[in-house]
Amino acid sequence: MQAELLKRITTNPKQCGGRPCVRGMRIRVSDVLDLFASGLTTDEILEEMPDLEREDLYAVLVYAAQKLSHPVLA
C-alpha cells in the first residue's frame, strides 16, 4: 500500500526546483505539510486544493515519515 502511495510523489529537476511534488503538479509536498501544520484537516485541505485527492494527502504523510526515518549515530 505504501509503495503505491509513494508513486504519487514525483520529482522533476525542471519543476519546483526539483522538490518533491504531488503527481507531477506544482503542489509541493512541503506545501501540503505546511497546511497540516497550520491545523487544517484533510477535508479542509482538499477543499483548499481541489486538484488533490485524499490518497495524495496520505502519500505526502508516508513520504515525509520515510524521509525522517533514518538511523542516528550517537
N, C-alpha and C. Protein backbone atom coordinates (compact mmCIF):
# COMPACT_ATOMS: atom_id res chain seq x y z
N MET A 1 0.83 -1.20 0.00
CA MET A 1 0.00 0.00 0.00
C MET A 1 0.87 1.26 0.00
N GLN A 2 1.89 1.30 0.86
CA GLN A 2 2.74 2.48 0.92
C GLN A 2 3.49 2.69 -0.38
N ALA A 3 3.94 1.62 -1.01
CA ALA A 3 4.66 1.75 -2.28
C ALA A 3 3.76 2.37 -3.34
N GLU A 4 2.50 1.98 -3.36
CA GLU A 4 1.56 2.56 -4.32
C GLU A 4 1.34 4.04 -4.04
N LEU A 5 1.22 4.39 -2.77
CA LEU A 5 1.04 5.80 -2.42
C LEU A 5 2.25 6.62 -2.82
N LEU A 6 3.43 6.08 -2.62
CA LEU A 6 4.64 6.83 -2.92
C LEU A 6 4.82 7.11 -4.42
N LYS A 7 4.14 6.35 -5.27
CA LYS A 7 4.18 6.63 -6.70
C LYS A 7 3.53 7.97 -7.03
N ARG A 8 2.73 8.48 -6.10
CA ARG A 8 2.07 9.77 -6.29
C ARG A 8 3.03 10.95 -6.06
N ILE A 9 4.16 10.69 -5.45
CA ILE A 9 5.14 11.74 -5.19
C ILE A 9 6.18 11.70 -6.29
N THR A 10 6.34 12.83 -6.97
CA THR A 10 7.24 12.89 -8.11
C THR A 10 8.27 14.00 -7.91
N THR A 11 9.41 13.83 -8.55
CA THR A 11 10.41 14.89 -8.57
C THR A 11 10.84 15.11 -10.01
N ASN A 12 11.00 16.37 -10.33
CA ASN A 12 11.42 16.77 -11.67
C ASN A 12 12.35 17.96 -11.49
N PRO A 13 13.61 17.82 -11.92
CA PRO A 13 14.55 18.92 -11.72
C PRO A 13 14.12 20.23 -12.40
N LYS A 14 13.20 20.15 -13.35
CA LYS A 14 12.74 21.35 -14.06
C LYS A 14 11.46 21.93 -13.47
N GLN A 15 11.01 21.35 -12.36
CA GLN A 15 9.76 21.80 -11.76
C GLN A 15 9.96 22.02 -10.27
N CYS A 16 9.57 23.16 -9.79
CA CYS A 16 9.64 23.49 -8.36
C CYS A 16 11.03 23.27 -7.79
N GLY A 17 12.04 23.55 -8.59
CA GLY A 17 13.42 23.42 -8.10
C GLY A 17 13.81 22.00 -7.76
N GLY A 18 13.11 21.03 -8.33
CA GLY A 18 13.44 19.63 -8.06
C GLY A 18 12.86 19.11 -6.75
N ARG A 19 12.07 19.93 -6.09
CA ARG A 19 11.46 19.49 -4.82
C ARG A 19 10.35 18.48 -5.11
N PRO A 20 10.11 17.57 -4.18
CA PRO A 20 9.06 16.57 -4.40
C PRO A 20 7.67 17.22 -4.48
N CYS A 21 6.91 16.77 -5.47
CA CYS A 21 5.57 17.30 -5.72
C CYS A 21 4.57 16.15 -5.77
N VAL A 22 3.32 16.52 -5.82
CA VAL A 22 2.24 15.54 -5.88
C VAL A 22 1.83 15.34 -7.34
N ARG A 23 1.97 14.12 -7.83
CA ARG A 23 1.52 13.69 -9.15
C ARG A 23 1.92 14.63 -10.28
N GLY A 24 3.13 15.15 -10.22
CA GLY A 24 3.62 15.99 -11.30
C GLY A 24 3.02 17.39 -11.34
N MET A 25 2.17 17.70 -10.38
CA MET A 25 1.58 19.04 -10.31
C MET A 25 2.57 19.96 -9.58
N ARG A 26 2.31 21.21 -9.61
CA ARG A 26 3.16 22.17 -8.91
C ARG A 26 2.69 22.36 -7.46
N ILE A 27 2.25 21.28 -6.86
CA ILE A 27 1.89 21.28 -5.45
C ILE A 27 2.97 20.47 -4.74
N ARG A 28 3.79 21.19 -3.98
CA ARG A 28 4.92 20.54 -3.32
C ARG A 28 4.47 19.78 -2.07
N VAL A 29 5.21 18.75 -1.76
CA VAL A 29 4.98 18.01 -0.51
C VAL A 29 5.00 18.97 0.66
N SER A 30 5.96 19.88 0.66
CA SER A 30 6.09 20.84 1.76
C SER A 30 4.86 21.75 1.87
N ASP A 31 4.23 22.08 0.74
CA ASP A 31 3.01 22.90 0.79
C ASP A 31 1.91 22.19 1.56
N VAL A 32 1.74 20.92 1.27
CA VAL A 32 0.69 20.13 1.94
C VAL A 32 1.03 19.96 3.42
N LEU A 33 2.29 19.70 3.72
CA LEU A 33 2.69 19.56 5.12
C LEU A 33 2.48 20.86 5.89
N ASP A 34 2.75 21.99 5.25
CA ASP A 34 2.50 23.29 5.89
C ASP A 34 1.03 23.47 6.23
N LEU A 35 0.15 23.02 5.34
CA LEU A 35 -1.29 23.13 5.61
C LEU A 35 -1.68 22.27 6.81
N PHE A 36 -1.15 21.04 6.85
CA PHE A 36 -1.41 20.19 8.02
C PHE A 36 -0.87 20.85 9.29
N ALA A 37 0.34 21.40 9.21
CA ALA A 37 0.96 22.04 10.38
C ALA A 37 0.19 23.27 10.83
N SER A 38 -0.52 23.91 9.90
CA SER A 38 -1.33 25.08 10.24
C SER A 38 -2.63 24.69 10.92
N GLY A 39 -2.90 23.39 10.96
CA GLY A 39 -4.09 22.92 11.65
C GLY A 39 -5.26 22.57 10.76
N LEU A 40 -5.06 22.63 9.44
CA LEU A 40 -6.15 22.27 8.55
C LEU A 40 -6.38 20.76 8.58
N THR A 41 -7.62 20.38 8.44
CA THR A 41 -7.98 18.97 8.39
C THR A 41 -7.81 18.47 6.96
N THR A 42 -7.88 17.18 6.79
CA THR A 42 -7.82 16.58 5.46
C THR A 42 -8.90 17.17 4.56
N ASP A 43 -10.11 17.25 5.06
CA ASP A 43 -11.21 17.79 4.25
C ASP A 43 -10.98 19.25 3.89
N GLU A 44 -10.43 20.03 4.81
CA GLU A 44 -10.17 21.44 4.53
C GLU A 44 -9.07 21.60 3.47
N ILE A 45 -8.06 20.74 3.52
CA ILE A 45 -7.00 20.80 2.52
C ILE A 45 -7.56 20.44 1.15
N LEU A 46 -8.39 19.41 1.10
CA LEU A 46 -9.00 19.01 -0.17
C LEU A 46 -9.90 20.10 -0.73
N GLU A 47 -10.54 20.84 0.15
CA GLU A 47 -11.38 21.96 -0.29
C GLU A 47 -10.50 23.11 -0.79
N GLU A 48 -9.40 23.34 -0.10
CA GLU A 48 -8.47 24.43 -0.47
C GLU A 48 -7.74 24.13 -1.78
N MET A 49 -7.44 22.85 -2.00
CA MET A 49 -6.70 22.43 -3.18
C MET A 49 -7.49 21.33 -3.90
N PRO A 50 -8.47 21.70 -4.69
CA PRO A 50 -9.38 20.71 -5.29
C PRO A 50 -8.73 19.75 -6.28
N ASP A 51 -7.52 20.05 -6.74
CA ASP A 51 -6.82 19.12 -7.64
C ASP A 51 -6.26 17.91 -6.90
N LEU A 52 -6.18 18.01 -5.58
CA LEU A 52 -5.65 16.90 -4.79
C LEU A 52 -6.74 15.87 -4.50
N GLU A 53 -6.29 14.65 -4.31
CA GLU A 53 -7.17 13.55 -3.90
C GLU A 53 -6.75 13.11 -2.51
N ARG A 54 -7.65 12.48 -1.81
CA ARG A 54 -7.37 12.05 -0.44
C ARG A 54 -6.10 11.19 -0.38
N GLU A 55 -5.91 10.32 -1.36
CA GLU A 55 -4.73 9.45 -1.38
C GLU A 55 -3.44 10.27 -1.53
N ASP A 56 -3.53 11.43 -2.17
CA ASP A 56 -2.36 12.30 -2.28
C ASP A 56 -1.90 12.76 -0.91
N LEU A 57 -2.86 13.08 -0.05
CA LEU A 57 -2.51 13.53 1.29
C LEU A 57 -1.86 12.40 2.09
N TYR A 58 -2.37 11.19 1.94
CA TYR A 58 -1.75 10.06 2.60
C TYR A 58 -0.33 9.85 2.06
N ALA A 59 -0.16 10.02 0.75
CA ALA A 59 1.15 9.85 0.14
C ALA A 59 2.15 10.86 0.68
N VAL A 60 1.70 12.09 0.86
CA VAL A 60 2.58 13.12 1.43
C VAL A 60 3.05 12.72 2.82
N LEU A 61 2.13 12.22 3.64
CA LEU A 61 2.50 11.83 5.00
C LEU A 61 3.44 10.63 5.01
N VAL A 62 3.19 9.66 4.15
CA VAL A 62 4.08 8.50 4.06
C VAL A 62 5.46 8.94 3.61
N TYR A 63 5.52 9.81 2.61
CA TYR A 63 6.79 10.30 2.10
C TYR A 63 7.57 11.02 3.20
N ALA A 64 6.90 11.91 3.91
CA ALA A 64 7.56 12.66 4.99
C ALA A 64 8.05 11.72 6.09
N ALA A 65 7.24 10.75 6.45
CA ALA A 65 7.64 9.81 7.50
C ALA A 65 8.87 9.02 7.09
N GLN A 66 8.93 8.60 5.84
CA GLN A 66 10.08 7.84 5.38
C GLN A 66 11.33 8.71 5.31
N LYS A 67 11.18 9.96 4.93
CA LYS A 67 12.33 10.85 4.86
C LYS A 67 12.91 11.14 6.24
N LEU A 68 12.05 11.14 7.25
CA LEU A 68 12.51 11.41 8.61
C LEU A 68 12.99 10.18 9.34
N SER A 69 12.69 9.02 8.80
CA SER A 69 13.08 7.77 9.44
C SER A 69 14.45 7.35 8.94
N HIS A 70 15.47 7.76 9.65
CA HIS A 70 16.83 7.39 9.27
C HIS A 70 17.62 7.13 10.55
N PRO A 71 18.62 6.28 10.46
CA PRO A 71 19.40 5.98 11.67
C PRO A 71 20.20 7.18 12.14
N VAL A 72 20.28 7.32 13.43
CA VAL A 72 21.06 8.40 14.04
C VAL A 72 22.22 7.75 14.78
N LEU A 73 23.41 8.15 14.43
CA LEU A 73 24.61 7.62 15.10
C LEU A 73 24.91 8.48 16.30
N ALA A 74 25.07 7.85 17.45
CA ALA A 74 25.36 8.60 18.66
C ALA A 74 26.85 8.73 18.87
